[in-house]
Amino acid sequence: MKLTPRYDGPTILTFTEPAGDVSIPLLRQRRRFARVLEGLDAGQWAAPSRCEAWTVQDVVAHLSTVDGYWALSAGAALRGEPTRYLDGFDPVTVPADMVDAKRDQSPAEVLDAYRAGVEAFADVVTGLDEAQWAMPAEAPPGHVPLHAMVRHALWDAWIHERDALLPLGLAQDEERDEVQASLEYAAAIGPSFLALGGSSRRGALAVVGTDPDVVVVVELDETVTVRGGPVPDGAVVLEGPSVTLVDALSLRAPFPRPVADAEQWMLAGLAVAFDQLPAG
């Protein structure tokens, strides 16, 4: 499915809680992953990841590419000129083609490119004030506040860190702010794609995570609003360990409990975007 971001009119995705400095968890996660990658041997770089047909090296190559885009998007946002590059973007075929183009590189070259991408991104988003974090920036849902774009970037890299490390038997550090931000965004991105596809169905999804304790409420309509608790009456409630819920919402694992057929529509948006479910 090709993306149809919303660039005009009301933003498709709103977070009501204060954003704070989201560069702190963003850059901690990326720099930590780089330190882990420095210790991998050739066999580990070539090992399969959780991403179908991608090795650990492929995952890192992908992340170095997307960090270049995030830095470009953030820089344009801060100039008051948000980009519009993602209209018609295919999130399945384009990343795969970009990874294919880097398969002749060595692990050292891929790691150097990854580090350079992280620091280029850091140069753009470090030290921003509240007004700058609120400026419109391009992300897959369209023009959203810059802090929402950075939340997307954190969630994406956090889940890919797990994609690389878990099959190697390596534990991922689970920092509370990284888990919370990833859970908030993972809960919101699927409903955002539903709204972009023209859905106007109303409902509320409550994600109640433990270890760390996080409550995320996603209100669905023609736009999507994300807030903390309390859980509204009538909401679809997903409960379980917070990290497990991020994995499930990111299409990496089943939910801790089966989701009723009548509730599936709230969770289908990301799967449709990645061609893992039929649209409709």
Protein backbone atom coordinates (compact mmCIF):
# COMPACT_ATOMS: atom_id res chain seq x y z
CA MET A 1 0.00 0.00 0.00
CA LYS A 2 1.35 3.41 -0.93
CA LEU A 3 1.16 6.11 1.71
CA THR A 4 -1.26 9.01 1.40
CA PRO A 5 0.02 11.46 4.03
CA ARG A 6 -2.16 14.39 5.11
CA TYR A 7 -0.36 17.66 4.47
CA ASP A 8 -3.26 20.09 4.58
CA GLY A 9 -6.09 20.65 7.03
CA PRO A 10 -6.20 19.35 10.61
CA THR A 11 -3.21 17.21 11.57
CA ILE A 12 -4.05 13.54 11.48
CA LEU A 13 -2.28 12.77 14.76
CA THR A 14 -2.28 14.76 18.01
CA PHE A 15 -0.56 13.97 21.31
CA THR A 16 -2.12 15.87 24.20
CA GLU A 17 0.55 15.13 26.81
CA PRO A 18 3.56 17.48 27.02
CA ALA A 19 6.29 16.26 24.71
CA GLY A 20 9.34 17.32 26.70
CA ASP A 21 12.73 16.84 25.04
CA VAL A 22 12.15 13.72 22.98
CA SER A 23 15.68 13.92 21.58
CA ILE A 24 16.96 12.50 24.89
CA PRO A 25 15.47 8.97 24.55
CA LEU A 26 15.86 9.13 20.76
CA LEU A 27 19.62 9.65 20.84
CA ARG A 28 20.25 7.43 23.88
CA GLN A 29 18.64 4.51 22.10
CA ARG A 30 20.59 5.01 18.89
CA ARG A 31 23.98 5.50 20.55
CA ARG A 32 23.43 2.50 22.82
CA PHE A 33 22.65 0.32 19.82
CA ALA A 34 25.83 1.52 18.10
CA ARG A 35 27.88 0.43 21.12
CA VAL A 36 26.31 -3.04 21.01
CA LEU A 37 26.96 -3.31 17.28
CA GLU A 38 30.64 -2.57 17.81
CA GLY A 39 30.97 -5.89 19.64
CA LEU A 40 29.36 -8.11 17.01
CA ASP A 41 31.40 -10.58 15.00
CA ALA A 42 30.97 -11.35 11.29
CA GLY A 43 28.60 -14.22 11.96
CA GLN A 44 26.34 -12.07 14.09
CA TRP A 45 26.20 -9.33 11.46
CA ALA A 46 25.13 -11.96 8.91
CA ALA A 47 22.57 -13.64 11.19
CA PRO A 48 18.84 -13.42 10.42
CA SER A 49 16.85 -10.68 12.17
CA ARG A 50 13.15 -10.67 13.02
CA CYS A 51 12.53 -8.81 9.73
CA GLU A 52 11.74 -11.28 6.98
CA ALA A 53 14.70 -11.77 4.58
CA TRP A 54 16.85 -9.20 6.42
CA THR A 55 20.05 -9.91 8.32
CA VAL A 56 21.24 -7.87 11.28
CA GLN A 57 23.43 -5.93 8.84
CA ASP A 58 20.40 -5.21 6.64
CA VAL A 59 18.49 -3.79 9.61
CA VAL A 60 21.36 -1.45 10.46
CA ALA A 61 21.72 -0.38 6.83
CA HIS A 62 18.02 0.45 6.80
CA LEU A 63 18.33 2.54 9.97
CA SER A 64 21.23 4.55 8.55
CA THR A 65 19.12 5.39 5.52
CA VAL A 66 16.03 6.44 7.44
CA ASP A 67 18.03 8.59 9.85
CA GLY A 68 19.18 10.59 6.84
CA TYR A 69 15.55 11.19 5.97
CA TRP A 70 14.60 12.09 9.55
CA ALA A 71 17.39 14.65 9.73
CA LEU A 72 16.26 16.13 6.41
CA SER A 73 12.63 16.27 7.53
CA ALA A 74 13.48 17.84 10.89
CA GLY A 75 15.77 20.43 9.34
CA ALA A 76 13.11 21.46 6.83
CA ALA A 77 10.54 21.70 9.63
CA LEU A 78 12.74 24.03 11.63
CA ARG A 79 13.12 26.27 8.58
CA GLY A 80 9.33 26.43 8.27
CA GLU A 81 9.44 24.43 5.02
CA PRO A 82 8.17 20.92 5.87
CA THR A 83 8.87 18.38 3.15
CA ARG A 84 6.33 16.38 1.14
CA TYR A 85 8.44 13.45 0.05
CA LEU A 86 6.30 10.56 1.31
CA ASP A 87 3.22 10.97 -0.89
CA GLY A 88 2.97 7.66 -2.75
CA PHE A 89 5.82 6.10 -0.77
CA ASP A 90 5.65 2.30 -0.57
CA PRO A 91 6.82 1.24 2.92
CA VAL A 92 7.41 -2.33 1.74
CA THR A 93 9.28 -2.12 -1.55
CA VAL A 94 11.27 1.12 -1.18
CA PRO A 95 13.11 0.22 2.06
CA ALA A 96 13.84 -3.25 0.67
CA ASP A 97 15.34 -1.75 -2.50
CA MET A 98 17.47 0.64 -0.46
CA VAL A 99 18.82 -2.21 1.65
CA ASP A 100 19.55 -4.24 -1.49
CA ALA A 101 21.67 -1.36 -2.77
CA LYS A 102 23.91 -1.56 0.34
CA ARG A 103 24.55 -5.29 0.43
CA ASP A 104 28.04 -4.95 -1.03
CA GLN A 105 29.16 -2.92 1.99
CA SER A 106 31.10 -4.43 4.88
CA PRO A 107 29.75 -4.43 8.45
CA ALA A 108 32.30 -1.76 9.34
CA GLU A 109 31.08 0.47 6.52
CA VAL A 110 27.45 -0.03 7.54
CA LEU A 111 28.25 0.77 11.17
CA ASP A 112 30.17 3.91 10.18
CA ALA A 113 27.20 5.07 8.09
CA TYR A 114 24.84 4.33 10.96
CA ARG A 115 26.92 6.34 13.42
CA ALA A 116 27.17 9.25 10.98
CA GLY A 117 23.40 9.24 10.45
CA VAL A 118 22.74 9.29 14.18
CA GLU A 119 25.01 12.25 14.75
CA ALA A 120 23.62 14.16 11.76
CA PHE A 121 20.14 13.66 13.24
CA ALA A 122 21.43 14.72 16.65
CA ASP A 123 22.81 17.95 15.21
CA VAL A 124 19.31 18.92 14.07
CA VAL A 125 17.17 17.95 17.08
CA THR A 126 19.41 18.68 20.07
CA GLY A 127 18.58 21.71 22.20
CA LEU A 128 15.18 22.59 20.71
CA ASP A 129 12.62 24.62 22.63
CA GLU A 130 8.90 24.01 23.03
CA ALA A 131 7.96 26.18 20.04
CA GLN A 132 10.39 24.33 17.78
CA TRP A 133 9.09 20.94 18.86
CA ALA A 134 5.60 22.08 17.81
CA MET A 135 6.60 23.04 14.24
CA PRO A 136 5.06 20.94 11.43
CA ALA A 137 7.30 18.15 10.16
CA GLU A 138 6.78 15.34 7.67
CA ALA A 139 6.32 11.77 8.90
CA PRO A 140 4.43 8.87 7.29
CA PRO A 141 1.04 10.20 8.54
CA GLY A 142 1.74 13.61 6.96
CA HIS A 143 2.53 16.93 8.60
CA VAL A 144 2.58 16.45 12.35
CA PRO A 145 4.35 18.35 15.13
CA LEU A 146 8.10 17.77 15.09
CA HIS A 147 7.90 15.97 18.43
CA ALA A 148 5.47 13.48 16.86
CA MET A 149 7.86 12.91 13.94
CA VAL A 150 10.65 12.20 16.42
CA ARG A 151 8.39 9.80 18.33
CA HIS A 152 7.91 7.91 15.07
CA ALA A 153 11.68 7.83 14.56
CA LEU A 154 12.23 6.55 18.11
CA TRP A 155 9.59 3.83 17.87
CA ASP A 156 10.92 2.65 14.50
CA ALA A 157 14.54 2.40 15.67
CA TRP A 158 13.59 0.91 19.05
CA ILE A 159 11.65 -1.94 17.45
CA HIS A 160 14.41 -2.52 14.89
CA GLU A 161 16.95 -2.71 17.71
CA ARG A 162 14.90 -5.61 19.06
CA ASP A 163 14.64 -7.09 15.58
CA ALA A 164 18.44 -7.30 15.46
CA LEU A 165 19.29 -8.23 19.05
CA LEU A 166 16.68 -10.77 20.13
CA PRO A 167 17.52 -13.45 17.51
CA LEU A 168 21.17 -13.15 18.64
CA GLY A 169 20.13 -13.89 22.21
CA LEU A 170 21.12 -10.37 23.28
CA ALA A 171 18.94 -8.39 25.69
CA GLN A 172 17.75 -4.91 24.85
CA ASP A 173 18.01 -2.25 27.55
CA GLU A 174 14.44 -1.28 28.36
CA GLU A 175 14.54 2.36 29.43
CA ARG A 176 11.19 3.60 30.74
CA ASP A 177 10.95 6.72 28.55
CA GLU A 178 11.87 4.78 25.41
CA VAL A 179 9.31 2.06 26.13
CA GLN A 180 6.60 4.59 26.94
CA ALA A 181 7.19 6.71 23.83
CA SER A 182 7.34 3.60 21.64
CA LEU A 183 4.12 2.23 23.12
CA GLU A 184 2.33 5.55 22.65
CA TYR A 185 3.36 5.76 19.02
CA ALA A 186 2.82 2.08 18.24
CA ALA A 187 -0.74 2.41 19.56
CA ALA A 188 -1.36 5.49 17.41
CA ILE A 189 0.21 4.73 14.04
CA GLY A 190 -2.26 2.04 12.94
CA PRO A 191 -5.34 4.19 13.70
CA SER A 192 -3.62 7.07 11.89
CA PHE A 193 -3.33 4.99 8.74
CA LEU A 194 -7.01 4.05 9.06
CA ALA A 195 -7.96 7.74 9.22
CA LEU A 196 -5.72 8.51 6.25
CA GLY A 197 -7.56 5.82 4.33
CA GLY A 198 -10.84 7.68 4.85
CA SER A 199 -12.22 5.84 7.86
CA SER A 200 -14.50 7.95 10.05
CA ARG A 201 -15.42 5.19 12.49
CA ARG A 202 -15.31 6.34 16.08
CA GLY A 203 -13.91 4.45 19.00
CA ALA A 204 -11.34 4.41 21.76
CA LEU A 205 -8.42 2.07 22.24
CA ALA A 206 -6.80 1.86 25.68
CA VAL A 207 -3.40 0.20 26.00
CA VAL A 208 -2.60 -0.58 29.62
CA GLY A 209 0.98 -1.72 30.02
CA THR A 210 3.00 -2.93 32.98
CA ASP A 211 6.74 -2.89 33.73
CA PRO A 212 6.83 0.01 33.11
CA ASP A 213 3.28 1.05 33.97
CA VAL A 214 1.90 3.04 31.04
CA VAL A 215 -1.68 3.90 30.07
CA VAL A 216 -2.24 5.10 26.50
CA VAL A 217 -5.68 6.11 25.25
CA VAL A 218 -6.13 6.52 21.50
CA GLU A 219 -9.34 8.21 20.39
CA LEU A 220 -10.26 7.36 16.80
CA ASP A 221 -12.32 9.49 14.47
CA GLU A 222 -11.44 11.31 11.25
CA THR A 223 -8.31 12.27 13.19
CA VAL A 224 -6.47 10.48 15.99
CA THR A 225 -5.79 11.84 19.49
CA VAL A 226 -3.40 10.22 21.95
CA ARG A 227 -3.52 10.91 25.69
CA GLY A 228 -2.92 9.27 29.03
CA GLY A 229 -5.61 7.82 31.31
CA PRO A 230 -8.21 7.43 32.57
CA VAL A 231 -9.63 4.67 30.38
CA PRO A 232 -13.01 5.78 28.95
CA ASP A 233 -16.13 3.68 29.20
CA GLY A 234 -16.58 1.44 26.20
CA ALA A 235 -12.93 1.49 25.14
CA VAL A 236 -11.26 -1.58 23.69
CA VAL A 237 -8.63 -2.44 26.30
CA LEU A 238 -5.34 -4.21 25.61
CA GLU A 239 -3.41 -5.23 28.71
CA GLY A 240 -0.04 -6.82 29.29
CA PRO A 241 3.66 -6.12 29.70
CA SER A 242 4.47 -2.83 27.96
CA VAL A 243 7.30 -4.27 25.86
CA THR A 244 5.10 -7.17 24.73
CA LEU A 245 2.40 -4.71 23.72
CA VAL A 246 4.87 -2.65 21.65
CA ASP A 247 5.94 -5.83 19.87
CA ALA A 248 2.32 -6.82 19.21
CA LEU A 249 1.25 -3.38 17.99
CA SER A 250 4.32 -3.36 15.73
CA LEU A 251 3.31 -6.70 14.14
CA ARG A 252 6.17 -8.61 15.79
CA ALA A 253 4.22 -10.81 18.22
CA PRO A 254 0.68 -11.84 19.18
CA PHE A 255 -1.21 -9.84 21.78
CA PRO A 256 -1.23 -11.18 25.34
CA ARG A 257 -4.89 -12.03 24.84
CA PRO A 258 -6.83 -12.66 21.61
CA VAL A 259 -8.49 -9.58 20.15
CA ALA A 260 -12.20 -10.00 19.45
CA ASP A 261 -13.29 -9.86 15.83
CA ALA A 262 -15.40 -6.78 16.51
CA GLU A 263 -12.30 -4.97 17.82
CA GLN A 264 -9.89 -5.94 15.05
CA TRP A 265 -10.61 -2.88 12.91
CA MET A 266 -8.88 -0.58 15.40
CA LEU A 267 -5.66 -2.53 15.02
CA ALA A 268 -5.66 -3.20 11.28
CA GLY A 269 -4.19 0.04 9.95
CA LEU A 270 -0.50 -0.82 10.24
CA ALA A 271 -0.99 -4.30 8.82
CA VAL A 272 -2.85 -2.88 5.82
CA ALA A 273 -0.09 -0.32 5.20
CA PHE A 274 2.49 -3.11 5.16
CA ASP A 275 0.36 -5.39 2.97
CA GLN A 276 -0.12 -7.94 5.73
CA LEU A 277 -3.93 -7.74 5.66
CA PRO A 278 -6.42 -7.03 2.92
CA ALA A 279 -7.77 -3.49 2.97
CA GLY A 280 -11.38 -3.08 3.95
